[in-house]
Each structure stands twice: as C-alpha cells, then as structure tokens.
Amino acid sequence: MVTINDLSFNPDYSSISVSTSDGFKIFNCEPFGEFYSSQESPLRKSISNSLEDSAGCQNPTHSKTDSQDTPARFPTAFLKMLFSTSLTIVVPQTQDNLGNRLLKIYNLKQNLKICELNFPSSIIDIKLNRKRLLVVLDTGQLYIYDLSCVRLLKILQLLFNEHDGDQKFIGDLSADDSSWLIIPVQSTNNQTDLLNAETGSQPSTPKLTPSDSVINTGSYSQYLEFTRNSSLSNLKKKNKLITLEDIKKDSEGWVVVYDTINLAPVVIFEAHHSTIARICISHRDNKVATASIKGTIIRIFDLKEFEGKVKVHKVKNLRRGHNLVKVNSLSFHNDNHILGCGSESNTIHLFKIHEEESDICTNENSEDRTNHNSDYEDSDGDTSKSSEDLNENLANLLISKPLDPVPMETEDKLSSSWFVKTKKLINNQYTSSIIKKLPYKDYFENLIWEPPQRSFAYIKLPEYAPHNEKDPRSNKVEIGFNNDLVFIASYHTGNFYQYQIPKQRGPVSSINEDDKREECLLISQFNLI
C-alpha cells in the first residue's frame, strides 16, 4: 500500500507535489496533469544512485536482480518546489532507524543534482523562498541557509511540544524577499538565540551547534507590540528587561516575527491567549493568520512599518465555529482576498478578508487602535458562551432599567435589532463619557462593535476521514487557489479536488442569521497516487 508522506503546493499554487513510499510526482494544477515522476523521468537513474549511496544499498527494491520491467521504488519523505522554477528540494525516505537525514537539491530541467546536505537527525519540515532555505529537525534545530549559495547562516534551537503530534513545527516563512519567519514564542527555550548573541560582531558566521548555556537573557522589550488583546498583559507593568521566558510566562499565544535576512527579530505580539496551533503568512503585504489549539477563532494580523518599526496595523477576527477543534490547514489566496481554513471537522471554510475602509486604522495611538475586533472567547475562560451572549450581557449593563419581558414571537426580531438600538443609546455625549470610565470598556468595544466574521463559503469533501490520534494527518488537507478556483489535496485518499468559489456577497455576520454560507461547487476530481 502506497503511503503519502507529504503533499505540497509551490508558493504560487501552479503545481503540487506528492511524496510517497514509492517515490514522488509533480502535477500541474490548472489544467491538471502530471509532468514529472521519479519513476519515469530521465532523472530516475541519478536519484536511484543517490538513494542507494545514502542508504547503503539496504533497500531490496534497488537490487540489480530486479526485473527491468518492474518500476523501481524511490521512497520520498519531502519534495519542495521553488515557485515554477526547476529548483527542487528532495528528502529521500530511508528504511532504517536513523531517520531522513539527507537533503538533495536538484535542477529537474537539466537532470542535475546541485548538492546534498547531511544532518545530525531526521528532517521533519522544509521551508524555502528565493533567498532562504529552512530545514527543521526533530531535535528542534532550525537551520537557516542562504539558498543562492547554500551557505549556513544560523541555527535556531526550538522546543517542540509532544501533543503537537505530526505537526511538530508550528511556523511559516514568507514567500517574498523579506523572508520573515513566524514562530510561537512558546517554541523557544533558554538556548534560542534570536538576538544573535552567540555570534557577536560577526552575524554571518554560524555557530554549528547550539550553546549549552543560557543565551536568551537579552531584552526583547523593543520588539513587543501591545495590542488590545494584550492590554492586560503583565509585561506592560514590567520595568526590567523582558526576556523570552517572561513572554512565555505571560501567555502561551505570543508569536515572534524573525527576519532571516538580517537575523534579528522584527516584532513580537500576542495572537491568542491559548497555545498556537497553526501559522500562515500571505504571499505579499505581510498578513499573518493564526489559530490556537481551540480552533474557534482565526485571527489575521496586518503588519505595517511605521517610522522604521513594524507594528500590528489592524486585526481581523474570523469565526470558524463554536466547537473546539484542531485547525490543520491555513492558506491565503494569491490576491489576499480569501483565507482557506481546514480542520479535523472535515470542512474547509473560506473567509473573505477584503480590506474595507472601516477596517483600516490610522497610525495614531497604536496601543488603542490595534486588535479593535479582538474576541475574548478564545481566552482561557468559559468557552460555553457564544460571543452573542457576551454581547447581550454587556449591552444590558448600560441600560438603566431592566428589560421588559419579550414575547416569543418577537424574540427573533429583537435579536436582530438590539445591536442597532444599543448603538444609538451609546452614541451621545453623556453616555460616551460614562463608558470611558467603565472597567469593562475594552470588553464592550471588542465584543459589541466588532463581532467575528463568519465564512462566506465552505467545502464538504466527498469522502470521510475519521480522526485518528495515531495518524494526525488522516483528515488533513492542503489548500491552494487559482483565481476563482480552490484546490484541495487530501492525505486520506490522495485525491485532488477543484472547486468553484461562489461569488462573494460580503462577509457573513455572526449576528444576522439571514446571511447563509454557500457551498462550493465541485468541478473535477483526480488522484495523485
């Protein structure tokens, strides 16, 4: 039985690769068609020899006594493509217990192996763009290479949580030349050097093994961005130097944006109160999408540079659902107008993230303007209440007399109009002056004025993938886009689906139930294995 080890779109979603226990294939997404296979291409012999050399000819499938008519097997753990170029990263899957330690860089068009790299432990993830190659090992080491000359620049020591399962590395690398790496602060430890302390005045000279000493004691206060979501953070009260340990103790939901070009942090902000489960960065314009382990709220942070410093320009909340679930896929459309979200619920949600005039914040009072639509339901408190319940409770606090009993027949009408009435009550000079002094002012603004946005479309795959704790990828999918098409690649079946995105009518409100989400239309279905 063929096992899928990895499914990967190239950054512009024009191609998709599948790495299996038999080899790898590369397909064109639109129109769909296979254009490269490890078993049929002229490069097969070169790859075969490389695999035999790295595995010590221990794989019986490479025996010279095999019939020439029998397709050779070249197990592949990972294959990553650099946009639509011929540069390809291949990690062969070994048959021993030593792990997948070998990485090969190929030019598929010229059938040429450029170079190969050996690592001290097994490779679990690879990220690359035109300038950087990142290799993540199961021991937590993250190798940063200059892709132009395959020169090692730095090694970051990270910490992976056991409950992450298959997705041990949580983070993403931007596809553009800014080469920003986004990782949770919770993944750092006392050996993580983000300030380049271990190289001193020569940042270009890498230290090949992480230090055993505590090196993250430098101050990160200059990189902290306090959004409204972190307005109650204890870090704001600290006068001393702020370390990574201080940030980790404050909340599990802080993330750090790291510049892999200059090898220095860019900005650190709190994305959620809970542990981060998924991170994705857009192809352009520096939009970062995050999901916590609860999976109810997806947040999109728009990062902009003001006066030489990167800040959180605005925040958008997206409501995936009310039930706790693990988000295992996040992908931005190439034009940044749509975000795709896949989870263990076997449903893919599509969110509209158009920039509207009301969403754009000014550059003044950055502490008060950011995260203006933060949703506190993602906090560690009671998750049984919906945001609508919290909104109504807070609105009632501003009413001077108790609400009259509402007949059942008018309950639906009231639920859709209370928001407008409450807003009119507040929009006067006397009430506004009182609200400014209320202790629950932040809750009022965050929950009433900016409810989380619902998805405008969804996809239910024509397959059922039951959740399997032993195989976290059993119901995982990869999401890609091409104009008005959305591509879904399934780990469970190896199928590749093309769906038609319905016309966007605008964001779906979490309060107005008259706005119905539309189901995407299945256009075609293919098999990748």
Foldseek 3Di string as FASTA:
>chain_A
DKAWQDWDAAQQNQKIKTFIQQFIWIWGVVVTDTDDTCQPDPLVVVLLVVLCVVQVVPDPLSDPPDDPPDGGGFGWNDWYDAHPAQWIKTFTAYDDPQARFKIWIDRRVVSGTPDMDGDNGHWQDWADAQFWIWTAGPQQWIWIAGVVVRHTQEIFRWAFDPLLPSPRFAWHFARDPQGKIKGFLLGHDQQGDQACVVVPPCSRDYDPDTDPDRDQPAAPVVQEAAALQCPVFPVVVDPDGDTSVNVCVRAQQKMWIGRSVVSHTAHIYGPFRAHWNHWDFANDQTWIWTAHQQRQKIKIFGWDDDPNHIHGFEMAIAGPDLGGWHWDEWYAANVRQWIWTDTLVQKIFIAGDDDDPVGGDDPPPSHHHYLLQPDNCRHPDDSPDDLLVLQVVVLQVLDPDDDDDDDPVCPLVCLQCVLVVSVVVCPDDVNVVVLVPDPCNSVNRNRRVHPHWYGQEMERDPDDFHCDSNDNLSSPWYWYDDVQWIWIAHSNQQKIWIWGHDDDPDTHDPRDPVRDHYYTHTDDMDHRD
